[in-house]
Each structure stands twice: as C-alpha cells, then as structure tokens.
Amino acid sequence: MMNPIAIDRSSGPRALKQMLSQGKERISKGWYIIVFPEGTRVPPGKNGTYQIGGAWLSAKLQTDIIPVAHNAGEFWPKNALLKKPGTIKVMIGQPINTANRSPSELIKQVESWIEDQMSRTIDEKI
C-alpha cells in the first residue's frame, strides 16, 4: 500500500539499478523514500549493522537525508507477535546534505546520530 521499492538483495548490481530507477521516479513525484538502514528491528540497547543502500541512493539522487530514531523496539520486539503498552518516542534530526559526500561517510553520520539519540533515550529511563 505504500508502494515500496522492493529489491532482491542477492541480485547485486541489478538491485542497485532498480533501486536507483524507482528512487528517481518516487522523488520526481515528490515522495519521500523511507529506508531502515539496519534492515530489521534491533533490541533496545543493541546496535545493528547499518547497510549503505539508503545512503548510496541519497548520494546518487543528491537528496538530503533526514535521520529518524525511535524506541518502538521496546514495545514491539523482533519476532514477537504481542506488543507491550507504552509511549514510542520518535526523534527527527536535521537534514543531512549529501552533496559531494560518499555513501560511507553519510551512513557513518546517520549511524552516529541515531545511536546518540538511542543512548539518550536509554539514559532518560535511568
């Protein structure tokens, strides 16, 4: 229903071409592209592996990245059907300009911002 850019991660360069083509189309229509750089929910207090695909796409399309962090994993853990009651905090960062920046540099900045926000959220509970 959200018209995702669904790729076969095992198809390598073909997946990147598809992501770029569909990404251009979405951006030209004024849409935002949401990327979950860790690819899945990660337990609170744990760090996942940040994948470079979203940063690569943003760099290729020369579109800003708006980092977002949330603590939904506290209330809806991975592989759990049941959700716990609670308040989900969503933190939205300042846009990150992608001009003249490499995808690896961008994903490091995104990861640093998200992990900083998550550590602040954990610290607030103590």
N, C-alpha and C. Protein backbone atom coordinates (compact mmCIF):
# COMPACT_ATOMS: atom_id res chain seq x y z
N MET A 1 0.81 -1.20 0.00
CA MET A 1 0.00 0.00 0.00
C MET A 1 0.85 1.26 0.00
N MET A 2 2.11 1.15 0.43
CA MET A 2 2.96 2.32 0.48
C MET A 2 3.87 2.41 -0.74
N ASN A 3 3.68 1.49 -1.70
CA ASN A 3 4.46 1.48 -2.93
C ASN A 3 5.96 1.38 -2.66
N PRO A 4 6.39 0.32 -1.97
CA PRO A 4 7.79 0.20 -1.59
C PRO A 4 8.69 -0.09 -2.79
N ILE A 5 9.96 0.19 -2.61
CA ILE A 5 10.98 -0.22 -3.56
C ILE A 5 11.48 -1.57 -3.02
N ALA A 6 10.91 -2.63 -3.51
CA ALA A 6 11.26 -3.97 -3.04
C ALA A 6 12.36 -4.52 -3.93
N ILE A 7 13.47 -4.90 -3.31
CA ILE A 7 14.59 -5.41 -4.10
C ILE A 7 14.96 -6.81 -3.62
N ASP A 8 15.60 -7.55 -4.51
CA ASP A 8 16.19 -8.83 -4.16
C ASP A 8 17.64 -8.54 -3.81
N ARG A 9 17.96 -8.58 -2.54
CA ARG A 9 19.31 -8.20 -2.08
C ARG A 9 20.39 -9.08 -2.70
N SER A 10 20.03 -10.28 -3.10
CA SER A 10 21.04 -11.19 -3.65
C SER A 10 21.34 -10.90 -5.12
N SER A 11 20.61 -9.99 -5.75
CA SER A 11 20.82 -9.74 -7.17
C SER A 11 21.88 -8.67 -7.45
N GLY A 12 22.56 -8.19 -6.42
CA GLY A 12 23.70 -7.29 -6.57
C GLY A 12 23.44 -6.04 -7.39
N PRO A 13 24.24 -5.84 -8.46
CA PRO A 13 24.13 -4.61 -9.27
C PRO A 13 22.73 -4.38 -9.85
N ARG A 14 22.03 -5.44 -10.17
CA ARG A 14 20.68 -5.29 -10.70
C ARG A 14 19.75 -4.65 -9.67
N ALA A 15 19.93 -5.02 -8.39
CA ALA A 15 19.12 -4.43 -7.33
C ALA A 15 19.42 -2.95 -7.19
N LEU A 16 20.69 -2.57 -7.32
CA LEU A 16 21.06 -1.15 -7.22
C LEU A 16 20.46 -0.35 -8.37
N LYS A 17 20.50 -0.89 -9.58
CA LYS A 17 19.89 -0.20 -10.73
C LYS A 17 18.40 -0.02 -10.53
N GLN A 18 17.74 -1.05 -10.04
CA GLN A 18 16.31 -0.98 -9.79
C GLN A 18 16.01 0.06 -8.72
N MET A 19 16.80 0.05 -7.64
CA MET A 19 16.59 1.00 -6.55
C MET A 19 16.78 2.43 -7.04
N LEU A 20 17.80 2.65 -7.87
CA LEU A 20 18.05 3.99 -8.40
C LEU A 20 16.92 4.43 -9.33
N SER A 21 16.49 3.56 -10.23
CA SER A 21 15.43 3.88 -11.17
C SER A 21 14.12 4.20 -10.44
N GLN A 22 13.73 3.33 -9.53
CA GLN A 22 12.48 3.54 -8.80
C GLN A 22 12.61 4.72 -7.83
N GLY A 23 13.80 4.93 -7.28
CA GLY A 23 14.02 6.06 -6.39
C GLY A 23 13.85 7.37 -7.13
N LYS A 24 14.42 7.47 -8.34
CA LYS A 24 14.26 8.68 -9.16
C LYS A 24 12.79 8.95 -9.43
N GLU A 25 12.07 7.89 -9.77
CA GLU A 25 10.64 8.03 -10.05
C GLU A 25 9.90 8.56 -8.84
N ARG A 26 10.17 8.00 -7.66
CA ARG A 26 9.46 8.42 -6.46
C ARG A 26 9.77 9.89 -6.13
N ILE A 27 11.05 10.25 -6.19
CA ILE A 27 11.46 11.63 -5.88
C ILE A 27 10.84 12.61 -6.87
N SER A 28 10.79 12.23 -8.16
CA SER A 28 10.20 13.13 -9.17
C SER A 28 8.72 13.38 -8.91
N LYS A 29 8.07 12.46 -8.22
CA LYS A 29 6.65 12.62 -7.87
C LYS A 29 6.47 13.36 -6.54
N GLY A 30 7.59 13.75 -5.92
CA GLY A 30 7.50 14.47 -4.66
C GLY A 30 7.36 13.57 -3.45
N TRP A 31 7.65 12.30 -3.59
CA TRP A 31 7.53 11.35 -2.49
C TRP A 31 8.80 11.35 -1.66
N TYR A 32 8.68 10.88 -0.44
CA TYR A 32 9.83 10.61 0.41
C TYR A 32 10.11 9.12 0.32
N ILE A 33 11.36 8.76 0.47
CA ILE A 33 11.74 7.36 0.49
C ILE A 33 12.22 7.05 1.90
N ILE A 34 11.58 6.07 2.52
CA ILE A 34 11.95 5.68 3.88
C ILE A 34 12.82 4.44 3.80
N VAL A 35 13.97 4.51 4.45
CA VAL A 35 14.90 3.38 4.45
C VAL A 35 15.20 3.04 5.91
N PHE A 36 15.14 1.77 6.24
CA PHE A 36 15.53 1.30 7.55
C PHE A 36 16.94 0.74 7.40
N PRO A 37 17.96 1.53 7.77
CA PRO A 37 19.34 1.15 7.44
C PRO A 37 19.81 -0.14 8.12
N GLU A 38 19.17 -0.53 9.22
CA GLU A 38 19.56 -1.77 9.87
C GLU A 38 18.79 -2.96 9.28
N GLY A 39 17.76 -2.67 8.52
CA GLY A 39 17.03 -3.71 7.83
C GLY A 39 16.02 -4.47 8.68
N THR A 40 16.05 -4.29 9.98
CA THR A 40 15.14 -5.01 10.87
C THR A 40 15.12 -4.32 12.22
N ARG A 41 14.18 -4.72 13.07
CA ARG A 41 14.16 -4.18 14.43
C ARG A 41 15.33 -4.76 15.22
N VAL A 42 15.90 -3.94 16.07
CA VAL A 42 17.03 -4.34 16.89
C VAL A 42 16.62 -4.18 18.35
N PRO A 43 16.96 -5.13 19.21
CA PRO A 43 16.58 -5.00 20.62
C PRO A 43 17.13 -3.71 21.23
N PRO A 44 16.39 -3.11 22.17
CA PRO A 44 16.87 -1.89 22.82
C PRO A 44 18.25 -2.11 23.43
N GLY A 45 19.11 -1.11 23.25
CA GLY A 45 20.46 -1.19 23.80
C GLY A 45 21.45 -1.93 22.92
N LYS A 46 20.99 -2.50 21.82
CA LYS A 46 21.87 -3.23 20.90
C LYS A 46 22.06 -2.40 19.64
N ASN A 47 23.20 -2.60 19.00
CA ASN A 47 23.47 -1.92 17.73
C ASN A 47 23.40 -2.94 16.61
N GLY A 48 22.68 -2.59 15.55
CA GLY A 48 22.63 -3.45 14.38
C GLY A 48 23.72 -3.03 13.40
N THR A 49 23.76 -3.71 12.28
CA THR A 49 24.69 -3.35 11.22
C THR A 49 23.98 -2.43 10.25
N TYR A 50 24.50 -1.25 10.08
CA TYR A 50 23.90 -0.27 9.19
C TYR A 50 24.34 -0.57 7.75
N GLN A 51 23.37 -0.74 6.88
CA GLN A 51 23.64 -1.02 5.48
C GLN A 51 23.73 0.31 4.72
N ILE A 52 24.49 0.32 3.66
CA ILE A 52 24.82 1.55 2.96
C ILE A 52 23.82 1.94 1.86
N GLY A 53 22.86 1.07 1.54
CA GLY A 53 21.97 1.28 0.40
C GLY A 53 21.22 2.60 0.39
N GLY A 54 20.65 2.99 1.51
CA GLY A 54 19.91 4.25 1.57
C GLY A 54 20.82 5.46 1.38
N ALA A 55 22.00 5.40 1.98
CA ALA A 55 22.97 6.50 1.82
C ALA A 55 23.45 6.55 0.37
N TRP A 56 23.66 5.39 -0.24
CA TRP A 56 24.07 5.34 -1.64
C TRP A 56 23.00 5.98 -2.53
N LEU A 57 21.73 5.61 -2.28
CA LEU A 57 20.64 6.16 -3.08
C LEU A 57 20.54 7.68 -2.91
N SER A 58 20.63 8.16 -1.68
CA SER A 58 20.57 9.61 -1.43
C SER A 58 21.71 10.35 -2.12
N ALA A 59 22.91 9.76 -2.06
CA ALA A 59 24.06 10.40 -2.71
C ALA A 59 23.86 10.45 -4.22
N LYS A 60 23.37 9.36 -4.80
CA LYS A 60 23.15 9.32 -6.25
C LYS A 60 22.07 10.31 -6.68
N LEU A 61 21.02 10.43 -5.89
CA LEU A 61 19.90 11.31 -6.23
C LEU A 61 20.12 12.75 -5.75
N GLN A 62 21.21 12.96 -4.97
CA GLN A 62 21.50 14.28 -4.41
C GLN A 62 20.31 14.82 -3.61
N THR A 63 19.76 13.96 -2.76
CA THR A 63 18.66 14.34 -1.88
C THR A 63 19.14 14.29 -0.44
N ASP A 64 18.65 15.21 0.36
CA ASP A 64 19.01 15.21 1.77
C ASP A 64 18.53 13.94 2.46
N ILE A 65 19.20 13.60 3.53
CA ILE A 65 18.79 12.50 4.41
C ILE A 65 18.24 13.13 5.68
N ILE A 66 17.08 12.69 6.09
CA ILE A 66 16.51 13.14 7.37
C ILE A 66 16.56 11.94 8.30
N PRO A 67 17.50 11.94 9.26
CA PRO A 67 17.61 10.79 10.15
C PRO A 67 16.47 10.75 11.17
N VAL A 68 16.01 9.55 11.44
CA VAL A 68 14.93 9.34 12.40
C VAL A 68 15.33 8.19 13.32
N ALA A 69 15.10 8.38 14.60
CA ALA A 69 15.34 7.33 15.58
C ALA A 69 14.05 7.13 16.38
N HIS A 70 13.81 5.92 16.81
CA HIS A 70 12.62 5.65 17.63
C HIS A 70 12.90 4.48 18.56
N ASN A 71 12.08 4.36 19.58
CA ASN A 71 12.25 3.28 20.54
C ASN A 71 11.13 2.25 20.47
N ALA A 72 10.54 2.07 19.30
CA ALA A 72 9.42 1.13 19.15
C ALA A 72 9.82 -0.30 19.52
N GLY A 73 11.10 -0.62 19.39
CA GLY A 73 11.56 -1.96 19.73
C GLY A 73 11.33 -2.33 21.19
N GLU A 74 11.18 -1.34 22.04
CA GLU A 74 10.89 -1.61 23.45
C GLU A 74 9.49 -2.19 23.63
N PHE A 75 8.59 -1.85 22.73
CA PHE A 75 7.19 -2.24 22.89
C PHE A 75 6.74 -3.28 21.87
N TRP A 76 7.50 -3.45 20.82
CA TRP A 76 7.20 -4.46 19.80
C TRP A 76 8.51 -5.12 19.40
N PRO A 77 8.98 -6.05 20.23
CA PRO A 77 10.27 -6.67 19.95
C PRO A 77 10.25 -7.50 18.67
N LYS A 78 11.42 -7.67 18.10
CA LYS A 78 11.59 -8.50 16.91
C LYS A 78 11.12 -9.92 17.22
N ASN A 79 10.46 -10.53 16.26
CA ASN A 79 9.94 -11.90 16.37
C ASN A 79 8.88 -12.06 17.45
N ALA A 80 8.25 -10.98 17.87
CA ALA A 80 7.20 -11.05 18.88
C ALA A 80 5.89 -10.61 18.25
N LEU A 81 4.86 -11.40 18.47
CA LEU A 81 3.55 -11.07 17.94
C LEU A 81 2.86 -10.01 18.80
N LEU A 82 3.07 -10.12 20.11
CA LEU A 82 2.40 -9.22 21.04
C LEU A 82 3.18 -7.92 21.21
N LYS A 83 2.44 -6.85 21.33
CA LYS A 83 3.02 -5.54 21.59
C LYS A 83 2.74 -5.17 23.04
N LYS A 84 3.70 -4.52 23.68
CA LYS A 84 3.53 -4.05 25.05
C LYS A 84 3.02 -2.61 25.02
N PRO A 85 2.23 -2.21 26.01
CA PRO A 85 1.79 -0.82 26.06
C PRO A 85 2.97 0.11 26.41
N GLY A 86 2.90 1.32 25.94
CA GLY A 86 3.94 2.30 26.26
C GLY A 86 3.91 3.44 25.27
N THR A 87 4.78 4.38 25.48
CA THR A 87 4.88 5.55 24.62
C THR A 87 6.11 5.43 23.73
N ILE A 88 5.90 5.47 22.44
CA ILE A 88 7.01 5.41 21.49
C ILE A 88 7.51 6.83 21.26
N LYS A 89 8.81 7.00 21.44
CA LYS A 89 9.44 8.29 21.20
C LYS A 89 10.05 8.27 19.80
N VAL A 90 9.78 9.33 19.05
CA VAL A 90 10.34 9.47 17.71
C VAL A 90 11.17 10.75 17.70
N MET A 91 12.43 10.61 17.33
CA MET A 91 13.34 11.75 17.25
C MET A 91 13.67 11.99 15.77
N ILE A 92 13.52 13.22 15.30
CA ILE A 92 13.78 13.56 13.91
C ILE A 92 14.93 14.56 13.87
N GLY A 93 15.96 14.21 13.13
CA GLY A 93 17.16 15.05 13.07
C GLY A 93 17.10 16.09 11.98
N GLN A 94 18.10 16.92 11.95
CA GLN A 94 18.24 17.93 10.92
C GLN A 94 18.63 17.25 9.59
N PRO A 95 18.20 17.79 8.47
CA PRO A 95 18.57 17.21 7.18
C PRO A 95 20.10 17.17 7.02
N ILE A 96 20.55 16.08 6.44
CA ILE A 96 21.97 15.90 6.14
C ILE A 96 22.14 16.09 4.64
N ASN A 97 22.92 17.08 4.26
CA ASN A 97 23.16 17.35 2.84
C ASN A 97 24.11 16.30 2.28
N THR A 98 23.77 15.75 1.12
CA THR A 98 24.57 14.67 0.54
C THR A 98 25.56 15.14 -0.52
N ALA A 99 25.52 16.42 -0.88
CA ALA A 99 26.38 16.93 -1.95
C ALA A 99 27.85 16.68 -1.65
N ASN A 100 28.54 16.11 -2.63
CA ASN A 100 29.99 15.85 -2.54
C ASN A 100 30.39 14.99 -1.34
N ARG A 101 29.50 14.10 -0.93
CA ARG A 101 29.81 13.21 0.20
C ARG A 101 29.63 11.77 -0.25
N SER A 102 30.48 10.91 0.24
CA SER A 102 30.41 9.50 -0.14
C SER A 102 29.32 8.80 0.68
N PRO A 103 28.75 7.72 0.12
CA PRO A 103 27.76 6.96 0.88
C PRO A 103 28.30 6.46 2.22
N SER A 104 29.57 6.04 2.26
CA SER A 104 30.12 5.54 3.52
C SER A 104 30.22 6.65 4.56
N GLU A 105 30.57 7.85 4.14
CA GLU A 105 30.61 8.99 5.05
C GLU A 105 29.21 9.31 5.55
N LEU A 106 28.23 9.26 4.65
CA LEU A 106 26.85 9.57 5.02
C LEU A 106 26.29 8.56 6.01
N ILE A 107 26.50 7.27 5.75
CA ILE A 107 25.92 6.26 6.64
C ILE A 107 26.57 6.33 8.02
N LYS A 108 27.85 6.68 8.08
CA LYS A 108 28.51 6.85 9.38
C LYS A 108 27.87 7.99 10.16
N GLN A 109 27.55 9.09 9.46
CA GLN A 109 26.90 10.22 10.13
C GLN A 109 25.50 9.84 10.60
N VAL A 110 24.76 9.14 9.76
CA VAL A 110 23.41 8.70 10.13
C VAL A 110 23.48 7.77 11.34
N GLU A 111 24.36 6.79 11.27
CA GLU A 111 24.50 5.84 12.38
C GLU A 111 24.87 6.56 13.68
N SER A 112 25.82 7.47 13.61
CA SER A 112 26.25 8.20 14.79
C SER A 112 25.08 8.97 15.41
N TRP A 113 24.30 9.65 14.55
CA TRP A 113 23.17 10.43 15.07
C TRP A 113 22.12 9.51 15.70
N ILE A 114 21.76 8.44 15.01
CA ILE A 114 20.73 7.53 15.54
C ILE A 114 21.18 6.91 16.85
N GLU A 115 22.41 6.40 16.88
CA GLU A 115 22.89 5.75 18.10
C GLU A 115 22.99 6.73 19.25
N ASP A 116 23.35 7.98 18.99
CA ASP A 116 23.38 9.01 20.02
C ASP A 116 21.99 9.25 20.58
N GLN A 117 21.00 9.33 19.70
CA GLN A 117 19.62 9.54 20.15
C GLN A 117 19.13 8.35 20.97
N MET A 118 19.47 7.15 20.53
CA MET A 118 19.03 5.96 21.25
C MET A 118 19.68 5.88 22.63
N SER A 119 20.95 6.24 22.74
CA SER A 119 21.61 6.21 24.05
C SER A 119 21.00 7.26 24.97
N ARG A 120 20.61 8.40 24.43
CA ARG A 120 19.93 9.42 25.24
C ARG A 120 18.59 8.90 25.74
N THR A 121 17.86 8.19 24.88
CA THR A 121 16.57 7.64 25.26
C THR A 121 16.73 6.63 26.39
N ILE A 122 17.75 5.78 26.28
CA ILE A 122 18.01 4.78 27.32
C ILE A 122 18.42 5.47 28.61
N ASP A 123 19.28 6.50 28.53
CA ASP A 123 19.73 7.23 29.71
C ASP A 123 18.57 7.92 30.41
N GLU A 124 17.56 8.38 29.67
CA GLU A 124 16.42 9.08 30.27
C GLU A 124 15.62 8.16 31.18
N LYS A 125 15.67 6.85 30.93
CA LYS A 125 14.89 5.91 31.74
C LYS A 125 15.56 5.62 33.08
N ILE A 126 16.85 5.90 33.16
CA ILE A 126 17.60 5.56 34.39
C ILE A 126 17.34 6.58 35.46
